[in-house]
């Protein structure tokens, strides 16, 4: 659906600034603002995560429940390589 809205130049400039700050086109940014105003859930989450008015993420009481839908996508070895702690203690400091 295409809607044409006449707005003041200063409003247009502010919307353009906010869109640039979010890294999106003005049209896409304004469309997302309208979706928020209409209380339409954003399409960022997969549909199976959306249940009624609240998403599963909003109902999660801990991290295990929050990330349940993506459990098993990575092996233990892949997780270990992604989140391995850097053994480096940093550079030496001369306190003299």
N, C-alpha and C. Protein backbone atom coordinates (compact mmCIF):
# COMPACT_ATOMS: atom_id res chain seq x y z
N UNK A 1 0.84 -1.17 0.00
CA UNK A 1 0.00 0.00 0.00
C UNK A 1 0.89 1.24 0.00
N UNK A 2 0.54 2.19 -0.77
CA UNK A 2 1.29 3.44 -0.83
C UNK A 2 0.43 4.55 -0.26
N UNK A 3 1.01 5.31 0.65
CA UNK A 3 0.32 6.44 1.27
C UNK A 3 1.18 7.68 1.04
N UNK A 4 0.56 8.77 0.65
CA UNK A 4 1.26 10.03 0.49
C UNK A 4 0.87 10.94 1.64
N UNK A 5 1.88 11.44 2.35
CA UNK A 5 1.64 12.29 3.51
C UNK A 5 2.42 13.58 3.32
N UNK A 6 1.74 14.71 3.49
CA UNK A 6 2.41 16.01 3.43
C UNK A 6 2.88 16.37 4.83
N UNK A 7 4.19 16.58 4.97
CA UNK A 7 4.76 16.94 6.27
C UNK A 7 5.61 18.19 6.10
N UNK A 8 5.83 18.86 7.22
CA UNK A 8 6.65 20.07 7.21
C UNK A 8 8.11 19.70 6.90
N UNK A 9 8.85 20.61 6.29
CA UNK A 9 10.25 20.33 5.95
C UNK A 9 11.11 19.96 7.15
N UNK A 10 10.86 20.58 8.30
CA UNK A 10 11.67 20.25 9.48
C UNK A 10 11.39 18.84 9.98
N UNK A 11 10.15 18.38 9.81
CA UNK A 11 9.82 17.00 10.19
C UNK A 11 10.51 16.03 9.24
N UNK A 12 10.48 16.37 7.96
CA UNK A 12 11.15 15.54 6.97
C UNK A 12 12.65 15.45 7.25
N UNK A 13 13.26 16.58 7.60
CA UNK A 13 14.69 16.59 7.89
C UNK A 13 15.00 15.73 9.12
N UNK A 14 14.15 15.82 10.15
CA UNK A 14 14.37 15.02 11.36
C UNK A 14 14.21 13.53 11.08
N UNK A 15 13.22 13.17 10.27
CA UNK A 15 13.02 11.77 9.91
C UNK A 15 14.22 11.25 9.11
N UNK A 16 14.75 12.08 8.23
CA UNK A 16 15.92 11.69 7.44
C UNK A 16 17.13 11.49 8.36
N UNK A 17 17.28 12.36 9.37
CA UNK A 17 18.39 12.22 10.31
C UNK A 17 18.27 10.94 11.12
N UNK A 18 17.06 10.66 11.61
CA UNK A 18 16.85 9.45 12.40
C UNK A 18 17.05 8.19 11.55
N UNK A 19 16.58 8.23 10.30
CA UNK A 19 16.75 7.09 9.40
C UNK A 19 18.23 6.83 9.15
N UNK A 20 18.98 7.89 8.93
CA UNK A 20 20.43 7.74 8.71
C UNK A 20 21.10 7.16 9.94
N UNK A 21 20.65 7.59 11.13
CA UNK A 21 21.23 7.07 12.37
C UNK A 21 20.96 5.59 12.54
N UNK A 22 19.82 5.13 12.00
CA UNK A 22 19.47 3.70 12.06
C UNK A 22 20.02 2.93 10.86
N UNK A 23 20.62 3.65 9.92
CA UNK A 23 21.21 2.99 8.76
C UNK A 23 20.18 2.47 7.77
N UNK A 24 19.07 3.15 7.63
CA UNK A 24 18.05 2.70 6.69
C UNK A 24 17.53 3.87 5.87
N UNK A 25 16.80 3.54 4.82
CA UNK A 25 16.20 4.57 3.97
C UNK A 25 15.06 5.23 4.73
N UNK A 26 14.77 6.47 4.38
CA UNK A 26 13.70 7.20 5.06
C UNK A 26 12.38 6.46 4.94
N UNK A 27 12.07 5.96 3.73
CA UNK A 27 10.80 5.27 3.51
C UNK A 27 10.67 4.04 4.41
N UNK A 28 11.74 3.25 4.51
CA UNK A 28 11.71 2.05 5.34
C UNK A 28 11.59 2.42 6.81
N UNK A 29 12.29 3.48 7.22
CA UNK A 29 12.24 3.91 8.61
C UNK A 29 10.84 4.39 8.99
N UNK A 30 10.24 5.21 8.12
CA UNK A 30 8.89 5.71 8.39
C UNK A 30 7.89 4.56 8.40
N UNK A 31 8.06 3.59 7.51
CA UNK A 31 7.16 2.43 7.51
C UNK A 31 7.27 1.66 8.83
N UNK A 32 8.49 1.54 9.37
CA UNK A 32 8.64 0.84 10.65
C UNK A 32 8.00 1.63 11.79
N UNK A 33 8.07 2.96 11.73
CA UNK A 33 7.40 3.79 12.74
C UNK A 33 5.89 3.61 12.68
N UNK A 34 5.36 3.53 11.47
CA UNK A 34 3.91 3.32 11.33
C UNK A 34 3.50 1.94 11.84
N UNK A 35 4.32 0.92 11.57
CA UNK A 35 4.02 -0.42 12.08
C UNK A 35 4.03 -0.43 13.60
N UNK A 36 4.99 0.27 14.21
CA UNK A 36 5.03 0.35 15.66
C UNK A 36 3.79 1.05 16.20
N UNK A 37 3.39 2.13 15.54
CA UNK A 37 2.21 2.88 15.99
C UNK A 37 0.94 2.04 15.87
N UNK A 38 0.90 1.15 14.88
CA UNK A 38 -0.27 0.29 14.69
C UNK A 38 -0.19 -0.97 15.55
N UNK A 39 0.88 -1.10 16.34
CA UNK A 39 1.09 -2.25 17.22
C UNK A 39 1.16 -3.57 16.45
N UNK A 40 1.80 -3.54 15.28
CA UNK A 40 2.05 -4.74 14.48
C UNK A 40 3.41 -5.27 14.89
N UNK A 41 3.52 -6.57 15.25
CA UNK A 41 4.84 -7.09 15.63
C UNK A 41 5.81 -7.00 14.46
N UNK A 42 7.04 -6.62 14.77
CA UNK A 42 8.07 -6.50 13.74
C UNK A 42 8.36 -7.86 13.14
N UNK A 43 8.76 -7.87 11.88
CA UNK A 43 9.05 -9.12 11.18
C UNK A 43 10.47 -9.60 11.42
N UNK A 44 11.15 -9.04 12.43
CA UNK A 44 12.52 -9.45 12.71
C UNK A 44 12.57 -10.86 13.28
N UNK A 45 11.55 -11.25 14.05
CA UNK A 45 11.51 -12.57 14.67
C UNK A 45 10.84 -13.55 13.72
N UNK A 46 11.29 -14.80 13.69
CA UNK A 46 10.58 -15.80 12.89
C UNK A 46 9.15 -15.95 13.39
N UNK A 47 8.24 -16.27 12.48
CA UNK A 47 6.82 -16.35 12.83
C UNK A 47 6.54 -17.34 13.95
N UNK A 48 7.27 -18.45 14.02
CA UNK A 48 7.00 -19.44 15.06
C UNK A 48 7.31 -18.93 16.46
N UNK A 49 8.08 -17.83 16.55
CA UNK A 49 8.36 -17.26 17.86
C UNK A 49 7.25 -16.33 18.34
N UNK A 50 6.39 -15.90 17.42
CA UNK A 50 5.33 -14.98 17.79
C UNK A 50 4.09 -15.76 18.21
N UNK A 51 3.60 -15.51 19.41
CA UNK A 51 2.40 -16.19 19.89
C UNK A 51 1.47 -15.13 20.46
N UNK A 52 0.36 -14.90 19.80
CA UNK A 52 -0.58 -13.90 20.26
C UNK A 52 0.03 -12.52 20.26
N UNK A 53 -0.20 -11.78 21.34
CA UNK A 53 0.32 -10.41 21.41
C UNK A 53 1.75 -10.36 21.89
N UNK A 54 2.19 -11.37 22.64
CA UNK A 54 3.55 -11.37 23.17
C UNK A 54 4.38 -12.41 22.42
N UNK A 55 5.62 -12.12 22.24
CA UNK A 55 6.51 -13.09 21.62
C UNK A 55 7.06 -14.02 22.69
N UNK A 56 7.59 -15.13 22.26
CA UNK A 56 8.22 -16.07 23.19
C UNK A 56 9.37 -15.39 23.94
N UNK A 57 10.06 -14.47 23.24
CA UNK A 57 11.17 -13.76 23.88
C UNK A 57 10.68 -12.93 25.06
N UNK A 58 9.51 -12.34 24.92
CA UNK A 58 8.98 -11.53 26.02
C UNK A 58 8.55 -12.40 27.20
N UNK A 59 8.18 -13.66 26.94
CA UNK A 59 7.72 -14.56 27.99
C UNK A 59 8.86 -15.34 28.64
N UNK A 60 10.04 -15.34 28.04
CA UNK A 60 11.15 -16.12 28.57
C UNK A 60 11.56 -15.61 29.94
N UNK A 61 11.79 -16.54 30.84
CA UNK A 61 12.20 -16.15 32.19
C UNK A 61 13.70 -16.31 32.40
N UNK A 62 14.38 -16.99 31.47
CA UNK A 62 15.83 -17.12 31.57
C UNK A 62 16.41 -17.30 30.17
N UNK A 63 17.72 -17.31 30.07
CA UNK A 63 18.37 -17.40 28.77
C UNK A 63 18.11 -18.74 28.08
N UNK A 64 17.98 -19.81 28.85
CA UNK A 64 17.73 -21.12 28.25
C UNK A 64 16.39 -21.11 27.50
N UNK A 65 15.36 -20.52 28.10
CA UNK A 65 14.06 -20.43 27.44
C UNK A 65 14.11 -19.49 26.24
N UNK A 66 14.85 -18.41 26.37
CA UNK A 66 14.95 -17.44 25.29
C UNK A 66 15.56 -18.05 24.03
N UNK A 67 16.63 -18.83 24.22
CA UNK A 67 17.35 -19.38 23.07
C UNK A 67 16.96 -20.81 22.72
N UNK A 68 15.88 -21.31 23.29
CA UNK A 68 15.40 -22.66 22.99
C UNK A 68 15.18 -22.90 21.48
N UNK A 69 14.60 -21.93 20.73
CA UNK A 69 14.38 -22.18 19.30
C UNK A 69 15.65 -22.40 18.48
N UNK A 70 16.80 -21.91 18.96
CA UNK A 70 18.01 -22.07 18.17
C UNK A 70 18.95 -23.13 18.74
N UNK A 71 18.49 -23.85 19.76
CA UNK A 71 19.33 -24.90 20.34
C UNK A 71 19.61 -25.96 19.28
N UNK A 72 20.84 -26.38 19.22
CA UNK A 72 21.23 -27.42 18.28
C UNK A 72 21.71 -26.92 16.93
N UNK A 73 21.66 -25.62 16.69
CA UNK A 73 22.13 -25.11 15.41
C UNK A 73 23.65 -25.16 15.30
N UNK A 74 24.34 -25.07 16.44
CA UNK A 74 25.80 -25.15 16.47
C UNK A 74 26.22 -26.33 17.33
N UNK A 75 27.32 -26.97 16.94
CA UNK A 75 27.85 -28.05 17.75
C UNK A 75 28.62 -27.47 18.93
N UNK A 76 28.92 -28.29 19.91
CA UNK A 76 29.68 -27.84 21.06
C UNK A 76 31.05 -27.30 20.65
N UNK A 77 31.67 -27.94 19.66
CA UNK A 77 32.97 -27.50 19.20
C UNK A 77 32.88 -26.11 18.55
N UNK A 78 31.83 -25.87 17.76
CA UNK A 78 31.66 -24.57 17.12
C UNK A 78 31.42 -23.48 18.18
N UNK A 79 30.65 -23.79 19.18
CA UNK A 79 30.41 -22.83 20.26
C UNK A 79 31.70 -22.54 21.00
N UNK A 80 32.49 -23.59 21.26
CA UNK A 80 33.76 -23.41 21.96
C UNK A 80 34.69 -22.48 21.19
N UNK A 81 34.76 -22.64 19.86
CA UNK A 81 35.64 -21.79 19.07
C UNK A 81 35.13 -20.35 18.99
N UNK A 82 33.80 -20.17 19.03
CA UNK A 82 33.25 -18.82 18.98
C UNK A 82 33.45 -18.06 20.29
N UNK A 83 33.37 -18.77 21.41
CA UNK A 83 33.38 -18.10 22.70
C UNK A 83 34.60 -18.45 23.54
N UNK A 84 35.67 -18.88 22.90
CA UNK A 84 36.88 -19.23 23.65
C UNK A 84 37.49 -17.96 24.25
N UNK A 85 37.99 -18.10 25.43
CA UNK A 85 38.58 -16.97 26.13
C UNK A 85 40.01 -16.75 25.63
N UNK A 86 40.37 -15.51 25.41
CA UNK A 86 41.70 -15.16 24.96
C UNK A 86 42.66 -15.33 26.13
N UNK A 87 43.65 -16.21 26.01
CA UNK A 87 44.56 -16.44 27.12
C UNK A 87 45.56 -15.30 27.35
N UNK A 88 45.62 -14.35 26.43
CA UNK A 88 46.56 -13.25 26.56
C UNK A 88 46.20 -12.39 27.77
N UNK A 89 47.20 -12.04 28.55
CA UNK A 89 46.96 -11.21 29.73
C UNK A 89 47.20 -9.73 29.42
N UNK A 90 47.49 -9.42 28.22
CA UNK A 90 47.72 -8.03 27.85
C UNK A 90 49.19 -7.72 27.72
N UNK A 91 49.51 -6.49 27.55
CA UNK A 91 50.92 -6.10 27.38
C UNK A 91 51.55 -5.79 28.75
N UNK A 92 52.85 -5.94 28.83
CA UNK A 92 53.53 -5.66 30.10
C UNK A 92 53.46 -4.17 30.44
N UNK A 93 53.42 -3.88 31.72
CA UNK A 93 53.34 -2.51 32.20
C UNK A 93 54.55 -2.23 33.08
N UNK A 94 55.22 -1.13 32.81
CA UNK A 94 56.38 -0.75 33.62
C UNK A 94 55.90 0.22 34.69
N UNK A 95 55.90 -0.22 35.94
CA UNK A 95 55.39 0.63 37.03
C UNK A 95 56.50 1.41 37.72
N UNK A 96 57.71 1.37 37.18
CA UNK A 96 58.84 2.08 37.81
C UNK A 96 58.81 3.56 37.56
